[in-house]
Protein backbone atom coordinates (compact mmCIF):
# COMPACT_ATOMS: atom_id res chain seq x y z
CA MET A 1 59.83 34.99 21.39
CA GLN A 2 59.98 31.42 22.71
CA PRO A 3 57.82 28.89 20.83
CA VAL A 4 54.83 27.44 22.68
CA ALA A 5 55.08 23.72 23.38
CA PRO A 6 52.54 21.70 21.35
CA SER A 7 51.15 20.33 24.63
CA GLY A 8 51.00 23.79 26.20
CA ARG A 9 51.95 24.67 29.74
CA GLN A 10 53.50 21.89 31.82
CA VAL A 11 52.86 21.15 35.50
CA THR A 12 55.35 18.88 37.27
CA LEU A 13 54.37 16.77 40.28
CA GLU A 14 57.11 15.38 42.51
CA TYR A 15 57.12 12.91 45.37
CA GLY A 16 60.38 11.35 46.49
CA SER A 17 62.15 10.12 43.36
CA ALA A 18 58.92 10.10 41.32
CA ARG A 19 58.05 12.78 38.77
CA VAL A 20 54.85 13.25 36.72
CA VAL A 21 54.22 15.89 34.05
CA VAL A 22 50.63 16.96 33.28
CA THR A 23 49.95 19.09 30.22
CA GLU A 24 47.64 22.02 29.55
CA VAL A 25 46.55 20.47 26.25
CA GLY A 26 44.04 17.76 27.02
CA ALA A 27 45.05 17.51 30.70
CA GLY A 28 47.26 14.67 29.54
CA LEU A 29 50.03 12.64 31.16
CA ARG A 30 53.20 13.43 29.23
CA GLU A 31 55.70 11.80 31.56
CA TYR A 32 55.90 9.53 34.60
CA ARG A 33 59.34 8.55 35.89
CA VAL A 34 60.66 6.98 39.07
CA GLY A 35 64.35 7.77 39.40
CA ASP A 36 65.91 7.04 36.02
CA ARG A 37 63.16 4.64 34.92
CA ASP A 38 60.20 5.49 32.71
CA VAL A 39 56.90 4.18 34.06
CA LEU A 40 55.07 5.52 31.01
CA ASP A 41 56.17 5.71 27.40
CA GLY A 42 55.42 9.42 26.99
CA TYR A 43 56.55 12.02 24.51
CA PRO A 44 58.95 14.99 24.39
CA VAL A 45 57.91 18.50 25.38
CA ASP A 46 58.42 19.68 21.78
CA ALA A 47 56.09 17.04 20.30
CA MET A 48 52.37 16.39 20.08
CA ALA A 49 50.89 13.40 21.89
CA SER A 50 51.02 10.58 19.36
CA ARG A 51 48.49 7.74 19.26
CA GLY A 52 46.61 9.06 22.29
CA ARG A 53 49.64 8.89 24.60
CA GLY A 54 48.51 9.82 28.11
CA GLN A 55 45.38 11.54 26.84
CA LEU A 56 42.06 11.92 28.62
CA LEU A 57 39.24 10.70 26.37
CA ALA A 58 35.81 12.35 26.73
CA PRO A 59 32.87 12.64 26.28
CA TRP A 60 33.45 9.23 24.71
CA PRO A 61 36.50 6.94 24.54
CA ASN A 62 37.53 4.84 21.59
CA ARG A 63 35.28 5.00 18.50
CA ILE A 64 31.80 5.90 17.25
CA ALA A 65 31.03 4.17 13.96
CA ASP A 66 30.54 6.70 11.15
CA GLY A 67 30.49 9.41 13.84
CA ARG A 68 26.72 9.04 13.89
CA TYR A 69 24.37 8.26 16.76
CA GLU A 70 20.79 8.87 17.88
CA PHE A 71 19.96 10.44 21.20
CA GLY A 72 16.86 12.18 22.52
CA GLY A 73 14.96 11.55 19.31
CA SER A 74 17.57 13.26 17.10
CA THR A 75 20.38 11.99 14.89
CA HIS A 76 23.77 13.57 15.55
CA GLN A 77 26.78 13.61 13.23
CA LEU A 78 30.33 14.04 14.54
CA ALA A 79 33.42 14.81 12.50
CA LEU A 80 35.36 11.72 11.39
CA ASN A 81 38.92 11.96 12.67
CA GLU A 82 39.80 8.31 12.08
CA VAL A 83 39.29 8.63 8.35
CA PRO A 84 40.50 5.22 7.08
CA LEU A 85 38.01 3.43 9.35
CA ARG A 86 35.28 6.11 9.08
CA ASN A 87 35.04 6.62 12.84
CA ALA A 88 34.87 9.51 15.29
CA SER A 89 37.64 8.67 17.74
CA HIS A 90 38.52 9.50 21.36
CA GLY A 91 36.18 12.38 22.11
CA LEU A 92 36.38 16.15 21.91
CA VAL A 93 38.64 17.36 24.73
CA ARG A 94 42.10 15.92 24.10
CA TRP A 95 43.38 18.85 21.99
CA SER A 96 41.73 21.60 24.04
CA ALA A 97 43.51 23.92 26.50
CA TRP A 98 42.54 23.05 30.07
CA GLN A 99 42.96 25.24 33.13
CA LEU A 100 45.84 23.89 35.22
CA ASP A 101 46.32 24.56 38.93
CA GLN A 102 48.90 23.14 41.32
CA PRO A 103 47.91 23.55 44.98
CA ALA A 104 50.83 21.40 46.22
CA PRO A 105 54.07 19.95 44.80
CA ASP A 106 52.45 16.50 44.47
CA VAL A 107 48.97 17.60 43.33
CA ALA A 108 47.51 19.12 40.16
CA ARG A 109 43.98 19.88 39.02
CA ALA A 110 42.87 20.37 35.41
CA SER A 111 39.44 21.74 34.49
CA PHE A 112 37.59 22.35 31.24
CA VAL A 113 34.05 23.09 30.10
CA LEU A 114 33.08 21.39 26.84
CA ARG A 115 30.57 23.64 25.13
CA ALA A 116 27.60 22.41 23.12
CA GLN A 117 28.56 22.06 19.48
CA SER A 118 27.63 20.42 16.20
CA GLY A 119 27.39 16.67 16.72
CA TYR A 120 27.42 16.95 20.51
CA PRO A 121 24.89 19.60 21.61
CA PHE A 122 25.56 19.19 25.34
CA THR A 123 27.62 21.16 27.85
CA ILE A 124 29.81 19.15 30.21
CA ALA A 125 32.25 20.40 32.87
CA PHE A 126 35.29 18.19 33.49
CA THR A 127 37.86 18.11 36.26
CA ALA A 128 40.88 15.82 36.51
CA ASP A 129 42.80 15.60 39.77
CA TYR A 130 46.32 14.12 39.75
CA ARG A 131 47.98 13.12 43.02
CA LEU A 132 51.43 11.56 43.40
CA ALA A 133 52.14 9.62 46.59
CA ALA A 134 54.17 6.73 47.97
CA GLU A 135 51.86 4.16 46.34
CA GLY A 136 52.02 5.87 42.94
CA LEU A 137 49.80 8.14 40.86
CA THR A 138 46.05 8.53 41.40
CA VAL A 139 43.85 10.21 38.78
CA SER A 140 40.29 11.23 39.71
CA ILE A 141 38.00 12.45 36.95
CA THR A 142 34.58 14.10 37.25
CA ALA A 143 32.17 14.90 34.41
CA THR A 144 29.16 17.08 35.30
CA ASN A 145 26.26 17.89 33.02
CA VAL A 146 25.93 21.67 33.35
CA GLY A 147 23.41 21.93 30.54
CA ALA A 148 19.62 21.83 30.60
CA GLU A 149 19.09 18.44 28.89
CA PRO A 150 20.25 14.87 29.55
CA ALA A 151 23.62 14.06 27.97
CA PRO A 152 25.43 10.83 26.98
CA VAL A 153 28.90 10.61 28.54
CA GLY A 154 31.78 8.15 28.56
CA LEU A 155 35.32 8.51 29.91
CA GLY A 156 38.65 6.92 29.14
CA MET A 157 42.39 7.32 29.65
CA HIS A 158 45.23 6.21 27.39
CA PRO A 159 48.52 5.59 29.27
CA TYR A 160 51.24 3.47 27.65
CA VAL A 161 53.32 1.50 30.17
CA ALA A 162 56.97 1.47 29.08
CA VAL A 163 58.34 -2.05 28.67
CA ALA A 164 61.96 -1.01 29.33
CA GLY A 165 60.88 0.62 32.59
CA LEU A 166 59.87 -2.82 33.91
CA GLY A 167 63.55 -3.74 34.06
CA GLY A 168 65.18 -7.12 33.65
CA GLY A 169 66.39 -6.14 30.20
CA ALA A 170 62.90 -6.26 28.66
CA GLN A 171 62.53 -4.27 25.46
CA ARG A 172 59.37 -5.63 23.83
CA ALA A 173 55.85 -6.53 24.90
CA ASP A 174 56.69 -10.17 24.16
CA GLU A 175 58.81 -10.30 27.35
CA VAL A 176 56.14 -8.88 29.66
CA THR A 177 54.13 -11.09 32.00
CA LEU A 178 50.54 -9.82 32.06
CA THR A 179 47.63 -10.30 34.43
CA ILE A 180 44.14 -9.07 33.44
CA PRO A 181 41.35 -9.98 35.90
CA ALA A 182 38.61 -10.17 33.27
CA SER A 183 36.44 -13.07 32.09
CA THR A 184 35.03 -11.52 28.90
CA ARG A 185 36.48 -9.83 25.82
CA LEU A 186 34.79 -7.97 22.98
CA VAL A 187 35.13 -9.17 19.39
CA THR A 188 35.40 -6.38 16.82
CA ASP A 189 34.99 -6.00 13.07
CA GLU A 190 37.56 -4.60 10.64
CA ARG A 191 36.68 -1.06 11.80
CA MET A 192 37.38 -1.95 15.46
CA ILE A 193 33.68 -1.73 16.33
CA PRO A 194 32.47 -4.41 18.80
CA THR A 195 30.20 -7.06 17.34
CA SER A 196 29.94 -9.57 20.21
CA ALA A 197 31.24 -10.54 23.65
CA VAL A 198 32.87 -13.91 24.31
CA PRO A 199 34.62 -15.62 27.24
CA VAL A 200 38.33 -14.85 27.31
CA ASP A 201 39.15 -18.56 26.96
CA ASP A 202 36.80 -19.05 24.00
CA GLY A 203 38.53 -20.86 21.15
CA ALA A 204 41.78 -21.43 23.04
CA ASP A 205 42.89 -25.05 22.63
CA ASP A 206 45.82 -24.45 24.99
CA PRO A 207 45.12 -22.64 28.29
CA GLY A 208 48.47 -20.89 27.85
CA ARG A 209 47.37 -19.20 24.63
CA GLY A 210 44.64 -16.85 23.50
CA PHE A 211 43.24 -13.87 25.35
CA ASP A 212 42.92 -15.32 28.85
CA PHE A 213 45.25 -13.51 31.28
CA ARG A 214 43.36 -14.23 34.48
CA ALA A 215 46.48 -16.11 35.55
CA ALA A 216 49.73 -14.25 34.95
CA ARG A 217 51.53 -15.35 31.77
CA PRO A 218 53.89 -13.87 29.17
CA ILE A 219 52.32 -12.00 26.26
CA GLY A 220 54.71 -13.62 23.80
CA GLU A 221 53.87 -12.87 20.17
CA LEU A 222 50.16 -12.28 20.85
CA VAL A 223 48.77 -9.11 19.24
CA LEU A 224 46.41 -7.26 21.56
CA ASP A 225 44.08 -4.41 20.74
CA THR A 226 41.39 -5.89 22.89
CA CYS A 227 38.64 -4.64 25.17
CA TYR A 228 38.01 -6.65 28.34
CA THR A 229 35.03 -6.56 30.68
CA ASP A 230 33.39 -8.51 33.52
CA LEU A 231 36.30 -7.42 35.66
CA VAL A 232 37.10 -9.12 38.96
CA ARG A 233 37.55 -6.63 41.78
CA ASP A 234 39.45 -6.87 45.03
CA ALA A 235 37.91 -6.20 48.44
CA ASP A 236 38.52 -2.45 48.01
CA GLY A 237 36.45 -2.40 44.81
CA ARG A 238 39.44 -1.98 42.55
CA SER A 239 40.33 -4.07 39.53
CA ARG A 240 44.10 -4.47 39.06
CA THR A 241 45.95 -5.20 35.83
CA VAL A 242 49.61 -6.08 36.38
CA LEU A 243 52.54 -5.91 33.97
CA ALA A 244 55.78 -7.51 35.17
CA GLY A 245 59.28 -7.61 33.71
CA PRO A 246 61.65 -10.59 33.63
CA GLY A 247 63.26 -9.50 36.90
CA GLY A 248 60.00 -9.29 38.81
CA ASP A 249 59.55 -5.50 38.86
CA SER A 250 56.01 -4.52 37.96
CA VAL A 251 53.50 -1.77 37.22
CA THR A 252 49.87 -2.11 38.34
CA VAL A 253 47.07 -0.16 36.68
CA TRP A 254 44.05 -0.11 38.98
CA MET A 255 40.50 1.14 38.43
CA ASP A 256 37.58 1.74 40.77
CA GLU A 257 33.97 0.70 40.14
CA ALA A 258 33.30 3.52 37.65
CA TRP A 259 35.39 1.74 35.02
CA ASP A 260 33.73 -1.42 33.70
CA TYR A 261 35.96 -1.90 30.65
CA LEU A 262 39.68 -2.10 29.94
CA GLN A 263 41.42 -1.78 26.56
CA VAL A 264 44.87 -3.39 26.21
CA PHE A 265 46.99 -2.52 23.16
CA THR A 266 50.45 -3.89 22.34
CA GLY A 267 51.16 -1.19 19.77
CA ASP A 268 51.51 -3.39 16.71
CA THR A 269 50.10 -0.74 14.36
CA LEU A 270 52.58 1.92 15.49
CA GLY A 271 55.71 2.90 13.58
CA ALA A 272 58.70 0.56 13.60
CA ALA A 273 60.52 2.51 16.34
CA GLU A 274 57.50 2.40 18.67
CA ARG A 275 56.00 -1.00 17.88
CA ARG A 276 55.60 -3.21 21.00
CA ARG A 277 57.97 -1.06 23.09
CA SER A 278 55.05 -0.18 25.37
CA ILE A 279 51.61 -1.48 26.26
CA ALA A 280 48.57 0.77 26.51
CA VAL A 281 46.35 -0.12 29.47
CA GLU A 282 43.25 2.02 29.11
CA PRO A 283 40.52 2.41 31.77
CA LEU A 284 37.12 2.90 30.11
CA THR A 285 33.65 3.55 31.48
CA CYS A 286 32.22 2.24 28.20
CA PRO A 287 33.57 0.44 25.13
CA ALA A 288 33.80 1.58 21.53
CA ASN A 289 30.53 2.63 19.87
CA ALA A 290 28.68 2.91 23.19
CA PHE A 291 26.73 5.91 21.88
CA ASN A 292 25.03 3.42 19.54
CA SER A 293 25.10 0.15 21.49
CA GLY A 294 24.37 1.67 24.91
CA ALA A 295 26.92 -0.66 26.53
CA GLY A 296 28.23 1.04 29.66
CA LEU A 297 26.92 4.41 28.50
CA ARG A 298 26.08 6.94 31.22
CA VAL A 299 23.25 9.38 30.57
CA LEU A 300 23.69 12.31 32.92
CA ALA A 301 20.67 14.35 33.97
CA PRO A 302 21.20 18.11 34.38
CA ALA A 303 23.54 18.71 37.35
CA GLU A 304 24.37 14.99 37.59
CA SER A 305 28.02 13.85 37.68
CA LEU A 306 30.03 10.82 36.70
CA ARG A 307 33.11 10.26 38.87
CA GLY A 308 35.85 7.70 38.69
CA SER A 309 39.39 7.14 39.93
CA TRP A 310 42.19 5.02 38.57
CA GLY A 311 45.90 4.88 39.16
CA ILE A 312 49.35 3.56 38.37
CA SER A 313 51.45 1.86 41.04
CA PRO A 314 55.07 0.94 40.15
CA ALA A 315 56.85 -1.69 42.22
CA PHE A 316 60.53 -1.33 41.38
CA GLY A 317 63.29 -3.01 43.35
């Protein structure tokens, strides 16, 4: 008997020299390659997704402080899976088996119904559509309240862009030139729970330092585990975050109007072999602790849906 992969069944999308692997477990992105270059820093087929790699985060992204929130006149308690910080982290669907279908070589659909349960007594149906094309990968996610009561919902994704894949000999986040079209960042406490919002250039004596990446500049030694908002959008409604290597090759992570927040993480808390070798660029419909703060939180009426698309566009010479 062959062992079952920790991430379950694999579906491979192909378009030209590009290849994407979507997993049954969590409907996650395990791999994205163009030719011999890794766009994403994924994980092997015989491993679990570590540190949220490529995972879909729902019905909330990031953290809920103490796993406790009030909604509809009741207090709800979620299990704490980020024990050192006493938080409920990254939702309830990322370790579940999703239904995978592949109607075409460059298209996959994943679907899952999250049943009402202790701490989250709501029933939500999710679909995630993955499409690979000349311009890159597009991911479209829909969350529909199929229960009888209003439900709080947030969405997120957790792709890590591989630094080495950007070319030019880059190996660490320090060598990446980053553009983030956002004017505000969230300040967090020691548990990574937001406490305030400040301008991205607040406290920066030198315009070339701090958290302001509205103009492209190298990350250098800056440590980022930072949520950005007040995103600037292009004429098509998309916000575009760009990571570029020393040779000019780049990866753009774009988000449509459904995503009002963006988390950027340089991986400094990862193990020595993984630290700063990739940069997580995470589309979010709401920030950490939104179930308590209400920031960006969507409350879906019965039969109402939340839909959003985002994507990854490599530009390799």
